[in-house]
């Protein structure tokens, strides 16, 4: 089975810890996603419900006539008090400590990382069990990191060592 993981493109508001804040894509973000999905098609598109993912999923679904699932569990990690803030506003040292050890240094009032992992992987398993020939998951950096950590057998504590660029589309055989 072909599995593709597509992160949303650039969102309105710039580079911030957006989490489950529901900002739309910029024009550049749309173009980035078009560029990443050219000459590819999927039997099933599964998307986060947040508009920076779902809008493109709806577009691709209509264009390709693929099946479409909007998956609430693919929403991004809730960043608590960091929601909507840039790394510069938060403080680079706090951000670096979080990325090095997200279990011991989470943002205040953030979603628990183990709960987030459980939420994402529960939905991921349900999608994979549908046995489509090819699946595209359109989601956020955190969601993609959790799935890739799972596929690569990495502990969740190491998820921030995985780089996930805006509008990157990675393909896997599973």
N, C-alpha and C. Protein backbone atom coordinates (compact mmCIF):
# COMPACT_ATOMS: atom_id res chain seq x y z
N UNK A 1 0.85 -1.17 0.00
CA UNK A 1 0.00 0.00 0.00
C UNK A 1 0.89 1.24 0.00
N UNK A 2 0.53 2.19 -0.84
CA UNK A 2 1.24 3.47 -0.87
C UNK A 2 0.61 4.41 0.15
N UNK A 3 1.44 4.98 1.02
CA UNK A 3 1.02 5.97 1.99
C UNK A 3 1.79 7.25 1.72
N UNK A 4 1.07 8.35 1.56
CA UNK A 4 1.70 9.65 1.39
C UNK A 4 1.29 10.55 2.55
N UNK A 5 2.26 11.29 3.07
CA UNK A 5 2.02 12.23 4.16
C UNK A 5 2.32 13.63 3.64
N UNK A 6 1.29 14.48 3.58
CA UNK A 6 1.41 15.84 3.07
C UNK A 6 1.14 16.84 4.18
N UNK A 7 2.13 17.67 4.45
CA UNK A 7 1.91 18.75 5.41
C UNK A 7 1.29 19.93 4.66
N UNK A 8 0.42 20.64 5.32
CA UNK A 8 -0.18 21.83 4.72
C UNK A 8 0.91 22.84 4.36
N UNK A 9 0.58 23.74 3.43
CA UNK A 9 1.49 24.80 3.03
C UNK A 9 1.43 25.98 4.00
N UNK A 10 2.06 27.06 3.56
CA UNK A 10 2.13 28.27 4.37
C UNK A 10 0.74 28.77 4.73
N UNK A 11 0.58 29.13 6.00
CA UNK A 11 -0.71 29.62 6.50
C UNK A 11 -0.65 31.12 6.77
N UNK A 12 -1.80 31.75 6.72
CA UNK A 12 -1.90 33.16 7.08
C UNK A 12 -1.48 33.31 8.54
N UNK A 13 -0.67 34.31 8.80
CA UNK A 13 -0.22 34.55 10.18
C UNK A 13 1.25 34.26 10.40
N UNK A 14 1.93 33.71 9.38
CA UNK A 14 3.37 33.46 9.50
C UNK A 14 3.70 32.25 10.34
N UNK A 15 5.00 32.16 10.68
CA UNK A 15 5.51 31.00 11.43
C UNK A 15 5.25 31.20 12.92
N UNK A 16 4.24 30.47 13.38
CA UNK A 16 3.87 30.52 14.80
C UNK A 16 3.53 29.11 15.26
N UNK A 17 3.44 28.95 16.56
CA UNK A 17 2.92 27.70 17.11
C UNK A 17 1.40 27.78 17.00
N UNK A 18 0.89 27.35 15.86
CA UNK A 18 -0.51 27.51 15.49
C UNK A 18 -1.40 26.49 16.19
N UNK A 19 -0.90 25.27 16.33
CA UNK A 19 -1.67 24.23 16.98
C UNK A 19 -3.03 24.04 16.34
N UNK A 20 -4.07 24.05 17.14
CA UNK A 20 -5.41 23.83 16.59
C UNK A 20 -6.14 25.14 16.27
N UNK A 21 -5.37 26.22 16.20
CA UNK A 21 -5.90 27.50 15.69
C UNK A 21 -6.21 27.30 14.21
N UNK A 22 -7.35 27.76 13.75
CA UNK A 22 -7.83 27.39 12.41
C UNK A 22 -7.59 28.49 11.37
N UNK A 23 -6.34 28.67 10.99
CA UNK A 23 -5.97 29.67 9.99
C UNK A 23 -5.97 29.07 8.59
N UNK A 24 -6.40 29.84 7.58
CA UNK A 24 -6.37 29.34 6.20
C UNK A 24 -4.98 29.43 5.58
N UNK A 25 -4.84 28.81 4.43
CA UNK A 25 -3.61 28.88 3.65
C UNK A 25 -3.48 30.24 2.98
N UNK A 26 -2.24 30.65 2.74
CA UNK A 26 -1.97 31.80 1.88
C UNK A 26 -2.03 31.31 0.43
N UNK A 27 -1.98 32.24 -0.51
CA UNK A 27 -1.90 31.85 -1.93
C UNK A 27 -0.65 31.01 -2.17
N UNK A 28 0.46 31.39 -1.54
CA UNK A 28 1.68 30.61 -1.66
C UNK A 28 1.49 29.20 -1.10
N UNK A 29 0.79 29.09 0.03
CA UNK A 29 0.52 27.78 0.62
C UNK A 29 -0.24 26.87 -0.33
N UNK A 30 -1.25 27.42 -1.02
CA UNK A 30 -1.98 26.64 -2.03
C UNK A 30 -1.04 26.18 -3.13
N UNK A 31 -0.21 27.10 -3.63
CA UNK A 31 0.72 26.75 -4.71
C UNK A 31 1.72 25.68 -4.26
N UNK A 32 2.21 25.79 -3.04
CA UNK A 32 3.14 24.79 -2.51
C UNK A 32 2.50 23.40 -2.53
N UNK A 33 1.24 23.32 -2.11
CA UNK A 33 0.57 22.03 -2.05
C UNK A 33 0.29 21.49 -3.45
N UNK A 34 -0.07 22.36 -4.38
CA UNK A 34 -0.23 21.94 -5.78
C UNK A 34 1.08 21.34 -6.29
N UNK A 35 2.17 22.03 -6.04
CA UNK A 35 3.47 21.58 -6.53
C UNK A 35 3.85 20.22 -5.94
N UNK A 36 3.53 20.00 -4.68
CA UNK A 36 3.90 18.75 -4.01
C UNK A 36 3.06 17.55 -4.45
N UNK A 37 1.90 17.80 -5.02
CA UNK A 37 1.00 16.69 -5.37
C UNK A 37 0.85 16.48 -6.88
N UNK A 38 1.60 17.22 -7.67
CA UNK A 38 1.51 17.06 -9.12
C UNK A 38 1.82 15.62 -9.52
N UNK A 39 1.10 15.16 -10.51
CA UNK A 39 1.32 13.83 -11.11
C UNK A 39 1.21 12.69 -10.09
N UNK A 40 0.43 12.90 -9.04
CA UNK A 40 0.16 11.84 -8.09
C UNK A 40 -1.36 11.76 -7.89
N UNK A 41 -1.82 10.58 -7.57
CA UNK A 41 -3.23 10.41 -7.23
C UNK A 41 -3.34 9.35 -6.15
N UNK A 42 -4.49 9.38 -5.46
CA UNK A 42 -4.71 8.47 -4.34
C UNK A 42 -6.14 7.96 -4.37
N UNK A 43 -6.32 6.78 -3.80
CA UNK A 43 -7.66 6.20 -3.68
C UNK A 43 -8.43 6.84 -2.53
N UNK A 44 -7.72 7.20 -1.46
CA UNK A 44 -8.34 7.80 -0.28
C UNK A 44 -7.51 8.99 0.16
N UNK A 45 -8.19 10.09 0.45
CA UNK A 45 -7.57 11.25 1.07
C UNK A 45 -8.17 11.38 2.46
N UNK A 46 -7.30 11.40 3.48
CA UNK A 46 -7.73 11.58 4.86
C UNK A 46 -7.10 12.89 5.34
N UNK A 47 -7.93 13.78 5.88
CA UNK A 47 -7.45 15.12 6.20
C UNK A 47 -7.84 15.55 7.61
N UNK A 48 -6.98 16.38 8.17
CA UNK A 48 -7.34 17.13 9.37
C UNK A 48 -8.56 17.98 9.05
N UNK A 49 -9.40 18.25 10.06
CA UNK A 49 -10.55 19.12 9.81
C UNK A 49 -10.19 20.60 9.74
N UNK A 50 -8.99 20.97 10.14
CA UNK A 50 -8.61 22.39 10.12
C UNK A 50 -8.47 22.86 8.68
N UNK A 51 -8.93 24.07 8.41
CA UNK A 51 -9.07 24.53 7.03
C UNK A 51 -7.76 24.59 6.26
N UNK A 52 -6.62 24.74 6.91
CA UNK A 52 -5.36 24.77 6.18
C UNK A 52 -5.02 23.41 5.56
N UNK A 53 -5.70 22.36 6.01
CA UNK A 53 -5.58 21.03 5.41
C UNK A 53 -6.84 20.67 4.63
N UNK A 54 -7.98 20.86 5.26
CA UNK A 54 -9.24 20.40 4.69
C UNK A 54 -9.60 21.08 3.37
N UNK A 55 -9.30 22.35 3.22
CA UNK A 55 -9.65 23.06 1.99
C UNK A 55 -8.95 22.42 0.79
N UNK A 56 -7.66 22.11 0.95
CA UNK A 56 -6.93 21.49 -0.16
C UNK A 56 -7.40 20.05 -0.36
N UNK A 57 -7.71 19.36 0.72
CA UNK A 57 -8.23 17.98 0.62
C UNK A 57 -9.53 17.96 -0.18
N UNK A 58 -10.42 18.91 0.09
CA UNK A 58 -11.69 19.00 -0.64
C UNK A 58 -11.43 19.25 -2.13
N UNK A 59 -10.51 20.16 -2.41
CA UNK A 59 -10.14 20.47 -3.79
C UNK A 59 -9.61 19.22 -4.50
N UNK A 60 -8.65 18.53 -3.86
CA UNK A 60 -8.04 17.36 -4.48
C UNK A 60 -9.05 16.23 -4.65
N UNK A 61 -9.92 16.06 -3.68
CA UNK A 61 -10.98 15.06 -3.73
C UNK A 61 -11.88 15.30 -4.96
N UNK A 62 -12.28 16.54 -5.17
CA UNK A 62 -13.14 16.86 -6.31
C UNK A 62 -12.40 16.67 -7.63
N UNK A 63 -11.15 17.03 -7.66
CA UNK A 63 -10.33 16.92 -8.87
C UNK A 63 -10.06 15.46 -9.24
N UNK A 64 -9.72 14.64 -8.25
CA UNK A 64 -9.30 13.26 -8.49
C UNK A 64 -10.42 12.24 -8.35
N UNK A 65 -11.54 12.65 -7.81
CA UNK A 65 -12.65 11.73 -7.53
C UNK A 65 -12.24 10.63 -6.56
N UNK A 66 -11.35 10.97 -5.65
CA UNK A 66 -10.91 10.05 -4.60
C UNK A 66 -11.94 10.04 -3.48
N UNK A 67 -11.91 9.00 -2.67
CA UNK A 67 -12.69 9.01 -1.43
C UNK A 67 -12.06 10.02 -0.48
N UNK A 68 -12.88 10.58 0.41
CA UNK A 68 -12.40 11.59 1.33
C UNK A 68 -12.92 11.31 2.73
N UNK A 69 -12.01 11.32 3.71
CA UNK A 69 -12.36 11.24 5.13
C UNK A 69 -11.79 12.46 5.83
N UNK A 70 -12.63 13.19 6.54
CA UNK A 70 -12.16 14.27 7.40
C UNK A 70 -12.04 13.66 8.80
N UNK A 71 -10.84 13.71 9.33
CA UNK A 71 -10.50 12.96 10.55
C UNK A 71 -10.17 13.95 11.67
N UNK A 72 -11.09 14.09 12.61
CA UNK A 72 -10.89 15.02 13.72
C UNK A 72 -9.60 14.74 14.49
N UNK A 73 -9.25 13.48 14.62
CA UNK A 73 -8.05 13.09 15.39
C UNK A 73 -6.75 13.52 14.71
N UNK A 74 -6.82 13.99 13.46
CA UNK A 74 -5.63 14.49 12.77
C UNK A 74 -5.43 16.00 12.96
N UNK A 75 -6.18 16.62 13.88
CA UNK A 75 -5.91 18.02 14.24
C UNK A 75 -4.54 18.10 14.89
N UNK A 76 -3.93 19.26 14.79
CA UNK A 76 -2.58 19.46 15.34
C UNK A 76 -2.58 19.41 16.86
N UNK A 77 -1.41 19.18 17.42
CA UNK A 77 -1.16 19.23 18.85
C UNK A 77 -1.61 20.57 19.40
N UNK A 78 -2.31 20.56 20.50
CA UNK A 78 -2.70 21.80 21.17
C UNK A 78 -1.51 22.34 21.94
N UNK A 79 -1.06 23.54 21.60
CA UNK A 79 0.14 24.11 22.21
C UNK A 79 -0.13 24.96 23.45
N UNK A 80 -1.33 24.91 23.96
CA UNK A 80 -1.63 25.61 25.21
C UNK A 80 -1.32 27.09 25.15
N UNK A 81 -0.52 27.57 26.11
CA UNK A 81 -0.21 29.00 26.21
C UNK A 81 0.67 29.50 25.07
N UNK A 82 1.25 28.59 24.31
CA UNK A 82 2.08 28.99 23.16
C UNK A 82 1.26 29.17 21.89
N UNK A 83 0.01 28.79 21.93
CA UNK A 83 -0.85 28.86 20.76
C UNK A 83 -0.84 30.28 20.17
N UNK A 84 -0.52 30.39 18.88
CA UNK A 84 -0.53 31.67 18.18
C UNK A 84 0.71 32.51 18.38
N UNK A 85 1.72 31.99 19.08
CA UNK A 85 2.93 32.75 19.35
C UNK A 85 4.11 32.25 18.51
N UNK A 86 5.03 33.15 18.20
CA UNK A 86 6.25 32.78 17.48
C UNK A 86 7.30 32.30 18.47
N UNK A 87 8.31 31.63 17.96
CA UNK A 87 9.42 31.19 18.81
C UNK A 87 10.11 32.40 19.46
N UNK A 88 10.22 33.49 18.73
CA UNK A 88 10.86 34.70 19.28
C UNK A 88 10.06 35.24 20.46
N UNK A 89 8.75 35.21 20.37
CA UNK A 89 7.90 35.70 21.47
C UNK A 89 7.98 34.77 22.68
N UNK A 90 7.98 33.47 22.42
CA UNK A 90 8.04 32.47 23.50
C UNK A 90 9.40 32.51 24.19
N UNK A 91 10.44 32.62 23.38
CA UNK A 91 11.82 32.56 23.87
C UNK A 91 12.48 31.32 23.31
N UNK A 92 13.57 31.52 22.58
CA UNK A 92 14.22 30.41 21.87
C UNK A 92 14.69 29.31 22.82
N UNK A 93 15.15 29.68 24.01
CA UNK A 93 15.61 28.66 24.96
C UNK A 93 14.47 27.73 25.38
N UNK A 94 13.29 28.30 25.66
CA UNK A 94 12.13 27.47 26.02
C UNK A 94 11.73 26.55 24.87
N UNK A 95 11.74 27.08 23.65
CA UNK A 95 11.39 26.29 22.46
C UNK A 95 12.41 25.17 22.28
N UNK A 96 13.69 25.49 22.40
CA UNK A 96 14.75 24.47 22.24
C UNK A 96 14.61 23.37 23.29
N UNK A 97 14.33 23.74 24.53
CA UNK A 97 14.15 22.75 25.60
C UNK A 97 12.96 21.85 25.31
N UNK A 98 11.89 22.42 24.81
CA UNK A 98 10.71 21.63 24.43
C UNK A 98 11.07 20.63 23.34
N UNK A 99 11.76 21.07 22.32
CA UNK A 99 12.10 20.18 21.22
C UNK A 99 13.07 19.07 21.65
N UNK A 100 13.97 19.39 22.57
CA UNK A 100 14.93 18.39 23.06
C UNK A 100 14.26 17.34 23.95
N UNK A 101 13.31 17.79 24.76
CA UNK A 101 12.62 16.87 25.67
C UNK A 101 11.18 17.35 25.86
N UNK A 102 10.31 17.00 24.90
CA UNK A 102 8.93 17.51 24.96
C UNK A 102 8.11 16.95 26.11
N UNK A 103 8.56 15.87 26.72
CA UNK A 103 7.84 15.30 27.87
C UNK A 103 8.12 16.13 29.12
N UNK A 104 9.36 16.49 29.35
CA UNK A 104 9.72 17.24 30.55
C UNK A 104 9.52 18.75 30.40
N UNK A 105 9.47 19.24 29.15
CA UNK A 105 9.41 20.68 28.92
C UNK A 105 8.26 21.09 28.01
N UNK A 106 7.04 20.65 28.29
CA UNK A 106 5.92 21.02 27.41
C UNK A 106 5.52 22.48 27.60
N UNK A 107 4.88 23.06 26.59
CA UNK A 107 4.32 24.39 26.79
C UNK A 107 3.28 24.35 27.91
N UNK A 108 3.15 25.42 28.68
CA UNK A 108 2.12 25.44 29.73
C UNK A 108 0.73 25.21 29.14
N UNK A 109 -0.02 24.33 29.77
CA UNK A 109 -1.41 24.03 29.40
C UNK A 109 -1.54 23.36 28.03
N UNK A 110 -0.46 22.78 27.53
CA UNK A 110 -0.49 22.09 26.23
C UNK A 110 -1.12 20.71 26.37
N UNK A 111 -1.56 20.18 25.24
CA UNK A 111 -2.06 18.81 25.18
C UNK A 111 -0.93 17.86 25.55
N UNK A 112 -1.22 16.86 26.33
CA UNK A 112 -0.23 15.86 26.71
C UNK A 112 0.26 15.13 25.47
N UNK A 113 1.58 15.00 25.33
CA UNK A 113 2.16 14.41 24.12
C UNK A 113 1.77 12.94 23.95
N UNK A 114 1.66 12.20 25.03
CA UNK A 114 1.24 10.80 24.92
C UNK A 114 -0.23 10.70 24.50
N UNK A 115 -1.06 11.61 25.01
CA UNK A 115 -2.46 11.64 24.58
C UNK A 115 -2.56 11.99 23.09
N UNK A 116 -1.75 12.94 22.66
CA UNK A 116 -1.71 13.33 21.25
C UNK A 116 -1.30 12.14 20.38
N UNK A 117 -0.25 11.45 20.79
CA UNK A 117 0.21 10.27 20.05
C UNK A 117 -0.90 9.23 19.96
N UNK A 118 -1.55 8.97 21.06
CA UNK A 118 -2.62 7.97 21.08
C UNK A 118 -3.75 8.38 20.13
N UNK A 119 -4.14 9.65 20.20
CA UNK A 119 -5.21 10.16 19.34
C UNK A 119 -4.86 9.98 17.85
N UNK A 120 -3.66 10.39 17.48
CA UNK A 120 -3.24 10.32 16.07
C UNK A 120 -3.12 8.87 15.61
N UNK A 121 -2.46 8.03 16.40
CA UNK A 121 -2.24 6.64 15.95
C UNK A 121 -3.53 5.82 15.95
N UNK A 122 -4.47 6.14 16.82
CA UNK A 122 -5.77 5.47 16.77
C UNK A 122 -6.44 5.73 15.44
N UNK A 123 -6.45 6.99 15.01
CA UNK A 123 -7.04 7.35 13.72
C UNK A 123 -6.24 6.77 12.56
N UNK A 124 -4.93 6.81 12.67
CA UNK A 124 -4.05 6.26 11.62
C UNK A 124 -4.35 4.78 11.40
N UNK A 125 -4.43 4.01 12.47
CA UNK A 125 -4.72 2.58 12.35
C UNK A 125 -6.06 2.33 11.67
N UNK A 126 -7.07 3.13 12.01
CA UNK A 126 -8.39 2.97 11.38
C UNK A 126 -8.33 3.27 9.89
N UNK A 127 -7.57 4.27 9.51
CA UNK A 127 -7.42 4.62 8.08
C UNK A 127 -6.68 3.50 7.34
N UNK A 128 -5.60 3.03 7.90
CA UNK A 128 -4.80 1.97 7.25
C UNK A 128 -5.62 0.69 7.12
N UNK A 129 -6.44 0.39 8.11
CA UNK A 129 -7.26 -0.83 8.09
C UNK A 129 -8.32 -0.82 6.99
N UNK A 130 -8.55 0.32 6.37
CA UNK A 130 -9.53 0.39 5.28
C UNK A 130 -9.03 -0.27 4.01
N UNK A 131 -7.73 -0.58 3.96
CA UNK A 131 -7.13 -1.34 2.86
C UNK A 131 -7.32 -0.71 1.47
N UNK A 132 -7.15 0.58 1.39
CA UNK A 132 -7.10 1.23 0.08
C UNK A 132 -5.72 0.99 -0.52
N UNK A 133 -5.62 1.02 -1.83
CA UNK A 133 -4.32 0.83 -2.50
C UNK A 133 -3.36 1.97 -2.25
N UNK A 134 -3.91 3.18 -2.16
CA UNK A 134 -3.06 4.35 -1.91
C UNK A 134 -3.84 5.34 -1.05
N UNK A 135 -3.13 5.90 -0.07
CA UNK A 135 -3.75 6.81 0.90
C UNK A 135 -2.88 8.06 1.02
N UNK A 136 -3.53 9.21 0.99
CA UNK A 136 -2.89 10.48 1.26
C UNK A 136 -3.46 11.01 2.57
N UNK A 137 -2.57 11.32 3.51
CA UNK A 137 -2.97 11.99 4.74
C UNK A 137 -2.46 13.42 4.66
N UNK A 138 -3.40 14.36 4.76
CA UNK A 138 -3.06 15.78 4.75
C UNK A 138 -3.22 16.28 6.18
N UNK A 139 -2.10 16.70 6.76
CA UNK A 139 -2.13 17.04 8.18
C UNK A 139 -1.06 18.07 8.51
N UNK A 140 -0.67 18.09 9.76
CA UNK A 140 0.21 19.09 10.34
C UNK A 140 1.54 18.44 10.70
N UNK A 141 2.53 19.28 10.96
CA UNK A 141 3.87 18.76 11.28
C UNK A 141 3.84 17.79 12.45
N UNK A 142 3.11 18.13 13.52
CA UNK A 142 3.06 17.25 14.68
C UNK A 142 2.43 15.91 14.37
N UNK A 143 1.33 15.92 13.64
CA UNK A 143 0.65 14.68 13.26
C UNK A 143 1.58 13.82 12.41
N UNK A 144 2.23 14.44 11.45
CA UNK A 144 3.14 13.70 10.56
C UNK A 144 4.33 13.16 11.35
N UNK A 145 4.83 13.93 12.29
CA UNK A 145 5.95 13.44 13.12
C UNK A 145 5.53 12.21 13.94
N UNK A 146 4.33 12.22 14.48
CA UNK A 146 3.84 11.07 15.24
C UNK A 146 3.75 9.84 14.33
N UNK A 147 3.19 10.00 13.15
CA UNK A 147 3.05 8.87 12.22
C UNK A 147 4.42 8.37 11.77
N UNK A 148 5.31 9.29 11.42
CA UNK A 148 6.65 8.87 10.99
C UNK A 148 7.42 8.21 12.12
N UNK A 149 7.28 8.73 13.35
CA UNK A 149 7.93 8.09 14.51
C UNK A 149 7.45 6.66 14.65
N UNK A 150 6.16 6.47 14.46
CA UNK A 150 5.56 5.13 14.52
C UNK A 150 6.12 4.23 13.42
N UNK A 151 6.14 4.73 12.19
CA UNK A 151 6.64 3.93 11.06
C UNK A 151 8.12 3.60 11.19
N UNK A 152 8.88 4.52 11.79
CA UNK A 152 10.34 4.34 11.93
C UNK A 152 10.74 3.76 13.28
N UNK A 153 9.74 3.40 14.10
CA UNK A 153 10.00 2.84 15.43
C UNK A 153 10.85 3.76 16.31
N UNK A 154 10.60 5.06 16.23
CA UNK A 154 11.28 6.02 17.09
C UNK A 154 10.39 6.32 18.29
N UNK A 155 10.98 6.53 19.45
CA UNK A 155 10.16 6.92 20.61
C UNK A 155 9.58 8.32 20.37
N UNK A 156 8.40 8.55 20.89
CA UNK A 156 7.71 9.82 20.68
C UNK A 156 8.53 11.00 21.21
N UNK A 157 9.35 10.76 22.20
CA UNK A 157 10.19 11.82 22.76
C UNK A 157 11.17 12.38 21.72
N UNK A 158 11.42 11.63 20.66
CA UNK A 158 12.36 12.04 19.60
C UNK A 158 11.65 12.65 18.39
N UNK A 159 10.35 12.87 18.48
CA UNK A 159 9.60 13.30 17.30
C UNK A 159 10.09 14.62 16.71
N UNK A 160 10.63 15.51 17.53
CA UNK A 160 11.07 16.80 17.01
C UNK A 160 12.44 16.74 16.34
N UNK A 161 13.04 15.55 16.28
CA UNK A 161 14.25 15.39 15.48
C UNK A 161 13.89 15.16 14.01
N UNK A 162 12.61 14.95 13.72
CA UNK A 162 12.13 14.73 12.36
C UNK A 162 11.71 16.07 11.77
N UNK A 163 12.35 16.45 10.67
CA UNK A 163 11.99 17.70 10.00
C UNK A 163 10.82 17.46 9.06
N UNK A 164 9.83 18.32 9.11
CA UNK A 164 8.66 18.25 8.23
C UNK A 164 8.45 19.64 7.64
N UNK A 165 8.86 19.83 6.41
CA UNK A 165 8.76 21.14 5.76
C UNK A 165 7.34 21.45 5.32
N UNK A 166 7.03 22.72 5.21
CA UNK A 166 5.72 23.13 4.69
C UNK A 166 5.47 22.51 3.32
N UNK A 167 4.31 21.93 3.17
CA UNK A 167 3.85 21.33 1.91
C UNK A 167 4.71 20.17 1.42
N UNK A 168 5.51 19.59 2.31
CA UNK A 168 6.29 18.42 1.90
C UNK A 168 5.36 17.21 1.79
N UNK A 169 5.61 16.40 0.79
CA UNK A 169 4.82 15.18 0.56
C UNK A 169 5.79 14.02 0.47
N UNK A 170 5.72 13.13 1.45
CA UNK A 170 6.61 11.97 1.50
C UNK A 170 5.79 10.70 1.26
N UNK A 171 6.37 9.80 0.50
CA UNK A 171 5.69 8.55 0.14
C UNK A 171 6.36 7.37 0.83
N UNK A 172 5.53 6.44 1.29
CA UNK A 172 5.99 5.23 1.97
C UNK A 172 5.27 4.03 1.39
N UNK A 173 5.90 2.89 1.41
CA UNK A 173 5.25 1.61 1.12
C UNK A 173 5.07 0.90 2.44
N UNK A 174 3.80 0.58 2.78
CA UNK A 174 3.58 -0.11 4.06
C UNK A 174 2.77 -1.36 3.82
